[in-house]
């Protein structure tokens, strides 16, 4: 409607005008309308810019509309616009988020064929997608290819790999890539030490995780809340609840403030043991400390109250969420 009004008022929209309009519409959050303007622009024989295509692909990718993303790539190429590394990376990210790993890997092959060299971001995005799909071995192959090429892994690449290995309880790979990381000149920091602690906890090596905490402190690195939450979770996993409570109680003296997630670790622990009363008691303690419960904490509380048949309290808790 706006375009028609502009035409009637004597405005002539050229490629520059359309490109600007599409970006304005996208910025306002109206991605469908932006696609409509794009279609109108192309139907009038005007060529969108590479920047416009990239912006549209990002918007569609965020909504996991990979079909539109790939169609835009095809249409761009049909107009003799050559995709750049940023455009291809958008495609890999969109396909990876949608779980279409083979297609995402295929984009890397396409880049090779077209002489478009992937950059560090491209490789890291693909590695992240591969790891999320459980394809850790292929992620390692991509990493090896990256190391052999001109684009060397950066700190973000290593952190991405380390976090995914820890998520899969692959302690051996965490250790291996920490060594590779240090060999490439990246020193261990709070993030990498916490990832190692997480991996140790996941395989049940909680005592070694605490020894790693001490090593971390000796190197002058201050553990953060995530580090301590990881250790608390590891202790609870091994049913060492007394030690978990002791660590929990010492956090304030260490200058670390509890958050809702810290309490949720205990709520979840009690709920899995069937100790609903203790789970609810922890929930109330959290509120008493003026820590706003999040959705996870509310859900755990509602489940516990329902299990105990305390439906009125469950209803009151539910109403308190609103």
C-alpha atoms as a PDB file:
ATOM      1  CA  UNK A   1       0.000   0.000   0.000  1.00  0.00           C
ATOM      2  CA  UNK A   2       2.792   2.427   0.919  1.00  0.00           C
ATOM      3  CA  UNK A   3       4.585   1.676  -2.351  1.00  0.00           C
ATOM      4  CA  UNK A   4       1.435   2.394  -4.368  1.00  0.00           C
ATOM      5  CA  UNK A   5       0.906   5.675  -2.524  1.00  0.00           C
ATOM      6  CA  UNK A   6       4.499   6.675  -3.229  1.00  0.00           C
ATOM      7  CA  UNK A   7       4.027   5.932  -6.929  1.00  0.00           C
ATOM      8  CA  UNK A   8       0.811   7.950  -7.083  1.00  0.00           C
ATOM      9  CA  UNK A   9       2.600  10.841  -5.412  1.00  0.00           C
ATOM     10  CA  UNK A  10       5.164  10.778  -8.208  1.00  0.00           C
ATOM     11  CA  UNK A  11       7.992   8.953  -6.458  1.00  0.00           C
ATOM     12  CA  UNK A  12       9.978   6.604  -8.679  1.00  0.00           C
ATOM     13  CA  UNK A  13      11.515   3.707  -6.772  1.00  0.00           C
ATOM     14  CA  UNK A  14      14.889   2.595  -8.074  1.00  0.00           C
ATOM     15  CA  UNK A  15      17.181  -0.195  -6.843  1.00  0.00           C
ATOM     16  CA  UNK A  16      18.696   2.072  -4.207  1.00  0.00           C
ATOM     17  CA  UNK A  17      15.237   3.007  -2.866  1.00  0.00           C
ATOM     18  CA  UNK A  18      14.057  -0.594  -2.742  1.00  0.00           C
ATOM     19  CA  UNK A  19      17.216  -1.785  -0.985  1.00  0.00           C
ATOM     20  CA  UNK A  20      16.804   0.929   1.629  1.00  0.00           C
ATOM     21  CA  UNK A  21      13.122   0.130   2.110  1.00  0.00           C
ATOM     22  CA  UNK A  22      13.808  -3.589   2.595  1.00  0.00           C
ATOM     23  CA  UNK A  23      16.392  -2.831   5.278  1.00  0.00           C
ATOM     24  CA  UNK A  24      13.995  -0.463   7.071  1.00  0.00           C
ATOM     25  CA  UNK A  25      11.208  -3.053   7.043  1.00  0.00           C
ATOM     26  CA  UNK A  26      13.571  -5.761   8.331  1.00  0.00           C
ATOM     27  CA  UNK A  27      14.826  -3.452  11.074  1.00  0.00           C
ATOM     28  CA  UNK A  28      11.212  -2.983  12.197  1.00  0.00           C
ATOM     29  CA  UNK A  29      10.880  -6.770  12.480  1.00  0.00           C
ATOM     30  CA  UNK A  30       8.546  -7.323   9.512  1.00  0.00           C
ATOM     31  CA  UNK A  31      10.457 -10.022   7.646  1.00  0.00           C
ATOM     32  CA  UNK A  32       7.462 -11.305   5.618  1.00  0.00           C
ATOM     33  CA  UNK A  33       6.696  -7.796   4.420  1.00  0.00           C
ATOM     34  CA  UNK A  34      10.388  -7.345   3.559  1.00  0.00           C
ATOM     35  CA  UNK A  35      10.212 -10.477   1.390  1.00  0.00           C
ATOM     36  CA  UNK A  36       7.134  -9.068  -0.344  1.00  0.00           C
ATOM     37  CA  UNK A  37       8.997  -5.827  -1.127  1.00  0.00           C
ATOM     38  CA  UNK A  38      11.907  -7.923  -2.407  1.00  0.00           C
ATOM     39  CA  UNK A  39       9.580  -9.889  -4.727  1.00  0.00           C
ATOM     40  CA  UNK A  40       8.092  -6.645  -5.995  1.00  0.00           C
ATOM     41  CA  UNK A  41      11.559  -5.245  -6.626  1.00  0.00           C
ATOM     42  CA  UNK A  42      12.691  -8.300  -8.615  1.00  0.00           C
ATOM     43  CA  UNK A  43       9.429  -8.371 -10.605  1.00  0.00           C
ATOM     44  CA  UNK A  44      10.233  -4.840 -11.783  1.00  0.00           C
ATOM     45  CA  UNK A  45      13.574  -6.006 -13.155  1.00  0.00           C
ATOM     46  CA  UNK A  46      15.647  -4.386 -10.413  1.00  0.00           C
ATOM     47  CA  UNK A  47      18.597  -6.204  -8.835  1.00  0.00           C
ATOM     48  CA  UNK A  48      18.831  -6.290  -5.029  1.00  0.00           C
ATOM     49  CA  UNK A  49      22.275  -5.752  -3.528  1.00  0.00           C
ATOM     50  CA  UNK A  50      24.346  -8.503  -1.947  1.00  0.00           C
ATOM     51  CA  UNK A  51      23.820  -6.762   1.390  1.00  0.00           C
ATOM     52  CA  UNK A  52      20.044  -6.936   0.927  1.00  0.00           C
ATOM     53  CA  UNK A  53      20.150 -10.643   0.127  1.00  0.00           C
ATOM     54  CA  UNK A  54      22.304 -11.275   3.194  1.00  0.00           C
ATOM     55  CA  UNK A  55      19.934  -9.314   5.450  1.00  0.00           C
ATOM     56  CA  UNK A  56      16.907 -11.235   4.152  1.00  0.00           C
ATOM     57  CA  UNK A  57      18.704 -14.551   4.597  1.00  0.00           C
ATOM     58  CA  UNK A  58      19.657 -13.690   8.188  1.00  0.00           C
ATOM     59  CA  UNK A  59      16.023 -12.828   8.997  1.00  0.00           C
ATOM     60  CA  UNK A  60      14.726 -16.083   7.490  1.00  0.00           C
ATOM     61  CA  UNK A  61      17.519 -18.113   9.058  1.00  0.00           C
ATOM     62  CA  UNK A  62      16.588 -16.909  12.539  1.00  0.00           C
ATOM     63  CA  UNK A  63      13.147 -18.428  11.932  1.00  0.00           C
ATOM     64  CA  UNK A  64      14.666 -21.670  10.628  1.00  0.00           C
ATOM     65  CA  UNK A  65      13.077 -21.040   7.227  1.00  0.00           C
ATOM     66  CA  UNK A  66      15.908 -22.770   5.396  1.00  0.00           C
ATOM     67  CA  UNK A  67      13.836 -23.260   2.253  1.00  0.00           C
ATOM     68  CA  UNK A  68      13.584 -19.499   1.742  1.00  0.00           C
ATOM     69  CA  UNK A  69      17.254 -19.012   2.654  1.00  0.00           C
ATOM     70  CA  UNK A  70      18.388 -21.470  -0.009  1.00  0.00           C
ATOM     71  CA  UNK A  71      15.914 -20.097  -2.552  1.00  0.00           C
ATOM     72  CA  UNK A  72      17.341 -16.616  -2.007  1.00  0.00           C
ATOM     73  CA  UNK A  73      20.827 -18.030  -2.589  1.00  0.00           C
ATOM     74  CA  UNK A  74      19.702 -19.564  -5.893  1.00  0.00           C
ATOM     75  CA  UNK A  75      17.935 -16.370  -6.976  1.00  0.00           C
ATOM     76  CA  UNK A  76      20.974 -14.301  -6.104  1.00  0.00           C
ATOM     77  CA  UNK A  77      23.183 -16.490  -8.288  1.00  0.00           C
ATOM     78  CA  UNK A  78      20.640 -16.392 -11.135  1.00  0.00           C
ATOM     79  CA  UNK A  79      21.039 -12.597 -11.145  1.00  0.00           C
ATOM     80  CA  UNK A  80      24.833 -13.047 -11.528  1.00  0.00           C
ATOM     81  CA  UNK A  81      25.448 -11.887  -7.972  1.00  0.00           C
ATOM     82  CA  UNK A  82      28.320 -13.895  -6.534  1.00  0.00           C
ATOM     83  CA  UNK A  83      27.809 -14.896  -2.870  1.00  0.00           C
ATOM     84  CA  UNK A  84      30.661 -13.956  -0.575  1.00  0.00           C
ATOM     85  CA  UNK A  85      32.000 -15.730   2.514  1.00  0.00           C
ATOM     86  CA  UNK A  86      29.492 -13.911   4.734  1.00  0.00           C
ATOM     87  CA  UNK A  87      26.544 -15.045   2.591  1.00  0.00           C
ATOM     88  CA  UNK A  88      27.682 -18.672   2.619  1.00  0.00           C
ATOM     89  CA  UNK A  89      28.243 -18.532   6.381  1.00  0.00           C
ATOM     90  CA  UNK A  90      24.659 -17.331   6.850  1.00  0.00           C
ATOM     91  CA  UNK A  91      23.486 -20.415   4.942  1.00  0.00           C
ATOM     92  CA  UNK A  92      25.632 -22.756   7.048  1.00  0.00           C
ATOM     93  CA  UNK A  93      24.346 -21.208  10.271  1.00  0.00           C
ATOM     94  CA  UNK A  94      20.698 -21.403   9.159  1.00  0.00           C
ATOM     95  CA  UNK A  95      21.000 -25.020   7.996  1.00  0.00           C
ATOM     96  CA  UNK A  96      22.914 -25.990  11.140  1.00  0.00           C
ATOM     97  CA  UNK A  97      20.296 -24.486  13.440  1.00  0.00           C
ATOM     98  CA  UNK A  98      17.611 -26.412  11.570  1.00  0.00           C
ATOM     99  CA  UNK A  99      19.556 -29.647  12.001  1.00  0.00           C
ATOM    100  CA  UNK A 100      20.277 -30.004   8.278  1.00  0.00           C
ATOM    101  CA  UNK A 101      23.904 -30.932   8.791  1.00  0.00           C
ATOM    102  CA  UNK A 102      24.589 -32.623   5.466  1.00  0.00           C
ATOM    103  CA  UNK A 103      23.312 -29.575   3.605  1.00  0.00           C
ATOM    104  CA  UNK A 104      25.397 -27.286   5.831  1.00  0.00           C
ATOM    105  CA  UNK A 105      28.521 -29.336   5.120  1.00  0.00           C
ATOM    106  CA  UNK A 106      27.596 -29.233   1.438  1.00  0.00           C
ATOM    107  CA  UNK A 107      27.853 -25.428   1.498  1.00  0.00           C
ATOM    108  CA  UNK A 108      31.508 -25.770   2.521  1.00  0.00           C
ATOM    109  CA  UNK A 109      32.084 -28.037  -0.492  1.00  0.00           C
ATOM    110  CA  UNK A 110      30.294 -25.513  -2.701  1.00  0.00           C
ATOM    111  CA  UNK A 111      32.547 -22.764  -1.406  1.00  0.00           C
ATOM    112  CA  UNK A 112      35.639 -24.798  -2.310  1.00  0.00           C
ATOM    113  CA  UNK A 113      34.347 -25.381  -5.840  1.00  0.00           C
ATOM    114  CA  UNK A 114      33.579 -21.705  -6.358  1.00  0.00           C
ATOM    115  CA  UNK A 115      36.909 -20.520  -4.987  1.00  0.00           C
ATOM    116  CA  UNK A 116      35.388 -18.781  -1.997  1.00  0.00           C
ATOM    117  CA  UNK A 117      37.698 -19.377   0.947  1.00  0.00           C
ATOM    118  CA  UNK A 118      35.942 -19.985   4.285  1.00  0.00           C
ATOM    119  CA  UNK A 119      37.043 -17.752   7.124  1.00  0.00           C
ATOM    120  CA  UNK A 120      37.394 -18.480  10.834  1.00  0.00           C
ATOM    121  CA  UNK A 121      33.721 -17.657  11.473  1.00  0.00           C
ATOM    122  CA  UNK A 122      32.561 -20.027   8.703  1.00  0.00           C
ATOM    123  CA  UNK A 123      34.547 -22.932  10.118  1.00  0.00           C
ATOM    124  CA  UNK A 124      33.479 -22.205  13.689  1.00  0.00           C
ATOM    125  CA  UNK A 125      29.785 -22.014  12.739  1.00  0.00           C
ATOM    126  CA  UNK A 126      30.026 -25.356  10.918  1.00  0.00           C
ATOM    127  CA  UNK A 127      31.936 -26.979  13.797  1.00  0.00           C
ATOM    128  CA  UNK A 128      29.261 -25.773  16.224  1.00  0.00           C
ATOM    129  CA  UNK A 129      26.479 -27.257  14.050  1.00  0.00           C
ATOM    130  CA  UNK A 130      28.310 -30.581  13.662  1.00  0.00           C
ATOM    131  CA  UNK A 131      28.867 -30.872  17.406  1.00  0.00           C
ATOM    132  CA  UNK A 132      25.227 -30.052  18.171  1.00  0.00           C
ATOM    133  CA  UNK A 133      24.273 -32.913  15.841  1.00  0.00           C
ATOM    134  CA  UNK A 134      26.596 -35.263  17.720  1.00  0.00           C
ATOM    135  CA  UNK A 135      29.018 -35.507  14.783  1.00  0.00           C
ATOM    136  CA  UNK A 136      32.115 -34.812  16.871  1.00  0.00           C
ATOM    137  CA  UNK A 137      34.459 -36.821  14.641  1.00  0.00           C
ATOM    138  CA  UNK A 138      33.466 -34.816  11.558  1.00  0.00           C
ATOM    139  CA  UNK A 139      33.845 -31.602  13.585  1.00  0.00           C
ATOM    140  CA  UNK A 140      37.403 -32.683  14.359  1.00  0.00           C
ATOM    141  CA  UNK A 141      38.008 -33.281  10.640  1.00  0.00           C
ATOM    142  CA  UNK A 142      36.790 -29.768   9.830  1.00  0.00           C
ATOM    143  CA  UNK A 143      39.069 -28.423  12.558  1.00  0.00           C
ATOM    144  CA  UNK A 144      42.022 -30.333  11.076  1.00  0.00           C
ATOM    145  CA  UNK A 145      41.223 -28.929   7.636  1.00  0.00           C
ATOM    146  CA  UNK A 146      41.116 -25.477   9.151  1.00  0.00           C
ATOM    147  CA  UNK A 147      44.512 -25.944  10.799  1.00  0.00           C
ATOM    148  CA  UNK A 148      46.047 -27.024   7.480  1.00  0.00           C
ATOM    149  CA  UNK A 149      44.662 -24.007   5.636  1.00  0.00           C
ATOM    150  CA  UNK A 150      45.247 -20.300   5.883  1.00  0.00           C
ATOM    151  CA  UNK A 151      42.492 -19.713   8.432  1.00  0.00           C
ATOM    152  CA  UNK A 152      43.742 -20.742  11.861  1.00  0.00           C
ATOM    153  CA  UNK A 153      41.357 -21.489  14.736  1.00  0.00           C
ATOM    154  CA  UNK A 154      40.884 -18.610  17.135  1.00  0.00           C
ATOM    155  CA  UNK A 155      39.863 -18.513  20.792  1.00  0.00           C
ATOM    156  CA  UNK A 156      36.156 -18.764  19.924  1.00  0.00           C
ATOM    157  CA  UNK A 157      36.757 -21.861  17.769  1.00  0.00           C
ATOM    158  CA  UNK A 158      38.526 -23.613  20.621  1.00  0.00           C
ATOM    159  CA  UNK A 159      35.917 -22.630  23.206  1.00  0.00           C
ATOM    160  CA  UNK A 160      33.158 -23.880  20.885  1.00  0.00           C
ATOM    161  CA  UNK A 161      34.841 -27.271  20.544  1.00  0.00           C
ATOM    162  CA  UNK A 162      35.732 -27.569  24.218  1.00  0.00           C
ATOM    163  CA  UNK A 163      32.183 -26.749  25.351  1.00  0.00           C
ATOM    164  CA  UNK A 164      30.693 -29.320  22.984  1.00  0.00           C
ATOM    165  CA  UNK A 165      33.169 -32.018  24.046  1.00  0.00           C
ATOM    166  CA  UNK A 166      32.326 -31.298  27.690  1.00  0.00           C
ATOM    167  CA  UNK A 167      28.593 -31.462  26.913  1.00  0.00           C
ATOM    168  CA  UNK A 168      29.178 -34.963  25.505  1.00  0.00           C
ATOM    169  CA  UNK A 169      31.320 -35.947  28.536  1.00  0.00           C
ATOM    170  CA  UNK A 170      34.292 -36.444  26.211  1.00  0.00           C
ATOM    171  CA  UNK A 171      37.026 -35.706  28.754  1.00  0.00           C
ATOM    172  CA  UNK A 172      39.796 -37.098  26.557  1.00  0.00           C
ATOM    173  CA  UNK A 173      38.979 -34.663  23.737  1.00  0.00           C
ATOM    174  CA  UNK A 174      38.710 -31.755  26.186  1.00  0.00           C
ATOM    175  CA  UNK A 175      42.229 -32.468  27.432  1.00  0.00           C
ATOM    176  CA  UNK A 176      43.555 -32.960  23.885  1.00  0.00           C
ATOM    177  CA  UNK A 177      42.158 -29.691  22.553  1.00  0.00           C
ATOM    178  CA  UNK A 178      43.210 -27.733  25.618  1.00  0.00           C
ATOM    179  CA  UNK A 179      46.771 -28.778  24.781  1.00  0.00           C
ATOM    180  CA  UNK A 180      46.270 -27.767  21.134  1.00  0.00           C
ATOM    181  CA  UNK A 181      44.872 -24.443  22.283  1.00  0.00           C
ATOM    182  CA  UNK A 182      47.871 -23.701  24.504  1.00  0.00           C
ATOM    183  CA  UNK A 183      50.230 -24.772  21.700  1.00  0.00           C
ATOM    184  CA  UNK A 184      48.544 -22.151  19.500  1.00  0.00           C
ATOM    185  CA  UNK A 185      49.317 -19.490  22.075  1.00  0.00           C
ATOM    186  CA  UNK A 186      45.982 -19.254  23.894  1.00  0.00           C
ATOM    187  CA  UNK A 187      46.466 -19.458  27.650  1.00  0.00           C
ATOM    188  CA  UNK A 188      43.932 -21.101  29.911  1.00  0.00           C
ATOM    189  CA  UNK A 189      41.376 -18.721  31.409  1.00  0.00           C
ATOM    190  CA  UNK A 190      38.320 -18.934  33.668  1.00  0.00           C
ATOM    191  CA  UNK A 191      36.189 -20.214  30.785  1.00  0.00           C
ATOM    192  CA  UNK A 192      38.543 -23.039  29.753  1.00  0.00           C
ATOM    193  CA  UNK A 193      39.176 -24.164  33.332  1.00  0.00           C
ATOM    194  CA  UNK A 194      35.418 -24.210  34.004  1.00  0.00           C
ATOM    195  CA  UNK A 195      34.878 -26.316  30.882  1.00  0.00           C
ATOM    196  CA  UNK A 196      37.500 -28.802  32.112  1.00  0.00           C
ATOM    197  CA  UNK A 197      35.844 -28.881  35.539  1.00  0.00           C
ATOM    198  CA  UNK A 198      32.495 -29.514  33.842  1.00  0.00           C
ATOM    199  CA  UNK A 199      33.921 -32.415  31.816  1.00  0.00           C
ATOM    200  CA  UNK A 200      35.490 -33.930  34.947  1.00  0.00           C
ATOM    201  CA  UNK A 201      32.193 -33.666  36.847  1.00  0.00           C
ATOM    202  CA  UNK A 202      30.280 -35.253  33.993  1.00  0.00           C
ATOM    203  CA  UNK A 203      32.466 -38.382  34.109  1.00  0.00           C
ATOM    204  CA  UNK A 204      32.335 -38.513  37.912  1.00  0.00           C
ATOM    205  CA  UNK A 205      35.860 -37.211  38.635  1.00  0.00           C
ATOM    206  CA  UNK A 206      34.653 -34.636  41.146  1.00  0.00           C
ATOM    207  CA  UNK A 207      37.769 -34.775  43.335  1.00  0.00           C
ATOM    208  CA  UNK A 208      39.947 -34.052  40.314  1.00  0.00           C
ATOM    209  CA  UNK A 209      37.560 -31.215  39.443  1.00  0.00           C
ATOM    210  CA  UNK A 210      38.249 -29.647  42.850  1.00  0.00           C
ATOM    211  CA  UNK A 211      42.000 -30.146  42.326  1.00  0.00           C
ATOM    212  CA  UNK A 212      41.580 -28.284  39.024  1.00  0.00           C
ATOM    213  CA  UNK A 213      39.819 -25.502  40.941  1.00  0.00           C
ATOM    214  CA  UNK A 214      42.879 -25.146  43.168  1.00  0.00           C
ATOM    215  CA  UNK A 215      45.202 -25.091  40.136  1.00  0.00           C
ATOM    216  CA  UNK A 216      43.018 -22.380  38.673  1.00  0.00           C
ATOM    217  CA  UNK A 217      43.367 -20.272  41.815  1.00  0.00           C
ATOM    218  CA  UNK A 218      47.135 -20.820  41.919  1.00  0.00           C
ATOM    219  CA  UNK A 219      47.332 -19.345  38.427  1.00  0.00           C
ATOM    220  CA  UNK A 220      45.618 -16.209  39.686  1.00  0.00           C
ATOM    221  CA  UNK A 221      42.285 -16.971  38.001  1.00  0.00           C
ATOM    222  CA  UNK A 222      39.173 -16.210  40.051  1.00  0.00           C
ATOM    223  CA  UNK A 223      36.424 -18.841  39.697  1.00  0.00           C
ATOM    224  CA  UNK A 224      33.011 -17.380  38.864  1.00  0.00           C
ATOM    225  CA  UNK A 225      29.475 -18.461  39.699  1.00  0.00           C
ATOM    226  CA  UNK A 226      29.347 -20.800  36.709  1.00  0.00           C
ATOM    227  CA  UNK A 227      32.473 -22.561  37.991  1.00  0.00           C
ATOM    228  CA  UNK A 228      30.947 -23.101  41.423  1.00  0.00           C
ATOM    229  CA  UNK A 229      27.545 -24.100  40.042  1.00  0.00           C
ATOM    230  CA  UNK A 230      29.316 -26.718  37.926  1.00  0.00           C
ATOM    231  CA  UNK A 231      31.028 -28.137  41.025  1.00  0.00           C
ATOM    232  CA  UNK A 232      27.787 -28.113  43.027  1.00  0.00           C
ATOM    233  CA  UNK A 233      26.057 -29.960  40.188  1.00  0.00           C
ATOM    234  CA  UNK A 234      28.908 -32.483  40.071  1.00  0.00           C
ATOM    235  CA  UNK A 235      28.669 -33.135  43.818  1.00  0.00           C
ATOM    236  CA  UNK A 236      24.908 -33.604  43.669  1.00  0.00           C
ATOM    237  CA  UNK A 237      25.276 -35.989  40.744  1.00  0.00           C
ATOM    238  CA  UNK A 238      27.501 -38.132  42.976  1.00  0.00           C
ATOM    239  CA  UNK A 239      24.998 -37.796  45.877  1.00  0.00           C
ATOM    240  CA  UNK A 240      27.505 -35.801  47.921  1.00  0.00           C
ATOM    241  CA  UNK A 241      24.820 -33.358  49.022  1.00  0.00           C
ATOM    242  CA  UNK A 242      26.516 -32.385  52.315  1.00  0.00           C
ATOM    243  CA  UNK A 243      29.578 -31.137  50.428  1.00  0.00           C
ATOM    244  CA  UNK A 244      27.340 -29.424  47.894  1.00  0.00           C
ATOM    245  CA  UNK A 245      25.559 -27.548  50.694  1.00  0.00           C
ATOM    246  CA  UNK A 246      28.877 -26.658  52.292  1.00  0.00           C
ATOM    247  CA  UNK A 247      30.115 -25.160  49.015  1.00  0.00           C
ATOM    248  CA  UNK A 248      26.777 -23.412  48.504  1.00  0.00           C
ATOM    249  CA  UNK A 249      27.026 -21.873  51.963  1.00  0.00           C
ATOM    250  CA  UNK A 250      30.545 -20.582  51.343  1.00  0.00           C
ATOM    251  CA  UNK A 251      29.776 -18.736  48.113  1.00  0.00           C
ATOM    252  CA  UNK A 252      28.932 -15.387  49.694  1.00  0.00           C
ATOM    253  CA  UNK A 253      32.191 -15.383  51.680  1.00  0.00           C
ATOM    254  CA  UNK A 254      33.953 -16.008  48.356  1.00  0.00           C
ATOM    255  CA  UNK A 255      32.283 -12.928  46.918  1.00  0.00           C
ATOM    256  CA  UNK A 256      29.930 -14.888  44.675  1.00  0.00           C
ATOM    257  CA  UNK A 257      26.182 -14.243  44.729  1.00  0.00           C
ATOM    258  CA  UNK A 258      23.669 -17.029  44.257  1.00  0.00           C
ATOM    259  CA  UNK A 259      21.242 -16.944  41.345  1.00  0.00           C
ATOM    260  CA  UNK A 260      18.062 -18.858  40.624  1.00  0.00           C
ATOM    261  CA  UNK A 261      20.073 -21.497  38.748  1.00  0.00           C
ATOM    262  CA  UNK A 262      22.092 -22.350  41.892  1.00  0.00           C
ATOM    263  CA  UNK A 263      18.885 -23.083  43.790  1.00  0.00           C
ATOM    264  CA  UNK A 264      17.437 -25.013  40.838  1.00  0.00           C
ATOM    265  CA  UNK A 265      20.347 -27.473  41.094  1.00  0.00           C
ATOM    266  CA  UNK A 266      19.099 -28.447  44.561  1.00  0.00           C
ATOM    267  CA  UNK A 267      15.406 -28.315  43.620  1.00  0.00           C
ATOM    268  CA  UNK A 268      16.057 -30.674  40.722  1.00  0.00           C
ATOM    269  CA  UNK A 269      18.195 -32.955  42.931  1.00  0.00           C
ATOM    270  CA  UNK A 270      15.464 -33.328  45.559  1.00  0.00           C
ATOM    271  CA  UNK A 271      12.740 -33.739  42.949  1.00  0.00           C
ATOM    272  CA  UNK A 272      14.593 -36.644  41.307  1.00  0.00           C
ATOM    273  CA  UNK A 273      14.977 -38.311  44.716  1.00  0.00           C
ATOM    274  CA  UNK A 274      11.255 -37.902  45.321  1.00  0.00           C
ATOM    275  CA  UNK A 275      11.911 -35.567  48.272  1.00  0.00           C
ATOM    276  CA  UNK A 276       9.272 -33.064  47.215  1.00  0.00           C
ATOM    277  CA  UNK A 277       9.065 -31.313  50.590  1.00  0.00           C
ATOM    278  CA  UNK A 278      12.770 -30.447  50.492  1.00  0.00           C
ATOM    279  CA  UNK A 279      12.463 -29.260  46.913  1.00  0.00           C
ATOM    280  CA  UNK A 280       9.628 -26.919  47.899  1.00  0.00           C
ATOM    281  CA  UNK A 281      11.531 -25.764  50.978  1.00  0.00           C
ATOM    282  CA  UNK A 282      14.474 -24.798  48.746  1.00  0.00           C
ATOM    283  CA  UNK A 283      12.082 -22.944  46.442  1.00  0.00           C
ATOM    284  CA  UNK A 284      10.774 -20.928  49.397  1.00  0.00           C
ATOM    285  CA  UNK A 285      14.329 -20.181  50.574  1.00  0.00           C
ATOM    286  CA  UNK A 286      15.104 -18.803  47.157  1.00  0.00           C
ATOM    287  CA  UNK A 287      12.145 -16.427  47.358  1.00  0.00           C
ATOM    288  CA  UNK A 288      13.057 -15.464  50.932  1.00  0.00           C
ATOM    289  CA  UNK A 289      16.476 -14.380  49.676  1.00  0.00           C
ATOM    290  CA  UNK A 290      14.663 -12.140  47.167  1.00  0.00           C
ATOM    291  CA  UNK A 291      15.911 -14.136  44.203  1.00  0.00           C
ATOM    292  CA  UNK A 292      13.242 -14.099  41.516  1.00  0.00           C
ATOM    293  CA  UNK A 293      12.382 -17.669  40.484  1.00  0.00           C
ATOM    294  CA  UNK A 294      12.550 -18.351  36.761  1.00  0.00           C
ATOM    295  CA  UNK A 295      10.224 -20.576  34.735  1.00  0.00           C
ATOM    296  CA  UNK A 296      12.254 -23.719  35.520  1.00  0.00           C
ATOM    297  CA  UNK A 297      12.010 -23.109  39.262  1.00  0.00           C
ATOM    298  CA  UNK A 298       8.277 -22.413  39.037  1.00  0.00           C
ATOM    299  CA  UNK A 299       7.686 -25.576  37.009  1.00  0.00           C
ATOM    300  CA  UNK A 300       9.584 -27.694  39.539  1.00  0.00           C
ATOM    301  CA  UNK A 301       7.592 -26.155  42.372  1.00  0.00           C
ATOM    302  CA  UNK A 302       4.256 -26.701  40.603  1.00  0.00           C
ATOM    303  CA  UNK A 303       5.140 -30.336  39.903  1.00  0.00           C
ATOM    304  CA  UNK A 304       6.117 -30.903  43.530  1.00  0.00           C
ATOM    305  CA  UNK A 305       2.917 -29.363  44.909  1.00  0.00           C
ATOM    306  CA  UNK A 306       0.797 -31.386  42.498  1.00  0.00           C
ATOM    307  CA  UNK A 307       2.593 -34.583  43.538  1.00  0.00           C
ATOM    308  CA  UNK A 308       1.740 -33.850  47.180  1.00  0.00           C
ATOM    309  CA  UNK A 309      -1.875 -33.041  46.313  1.00  0.00           C
ATOM    310  CA  UNK A 310      -1.509 -29.432  47.494  1.00  0.00           C
ATOM    311  CA  UNK A 311      -3.522 -28.087  44.585  1.00  0.00           C
ATOM    312  CA  UNK A 312      -4.554 -24.771  46.177  1.00  0.00           C
ATOM    313  CA  UNK A 313      -0.895 -23.902  46.796  1.00  0.00           C
ATOM    314  CA  UNK A 314      -0.078 -24.981  43.247  1.00  0.00           C
ATOM    315  CA  UNK A 315      -2.791 -22.644  41.955  1.00  0.00           C
ATOM    316  CA  UNK A 316      -1.452 -19.768  44.100  1.00  0.00           C
ATOM    317  CA  UNK A 317       2.086 -20.423  42.828  1.00  0.00           C
ATOM    318  CA  UNK A 318       0.836 -20.470  39.263  1.00  0.00           C
ATOM    319  CA  UNK A 319      -0.985 -17.178  39.757  1.00  0.00           C
ATOM    320  CA  UNK A 320       2.227 -15.751  41.223  1.00  0.00           C
ATOM    321  CA  UNK A 321       3.940 -16.363  37.895  1.00  0.00           C
ATOM    322  CA  UNK A 322       1.664 -13.940  36.089  1.00  0.00           C
END
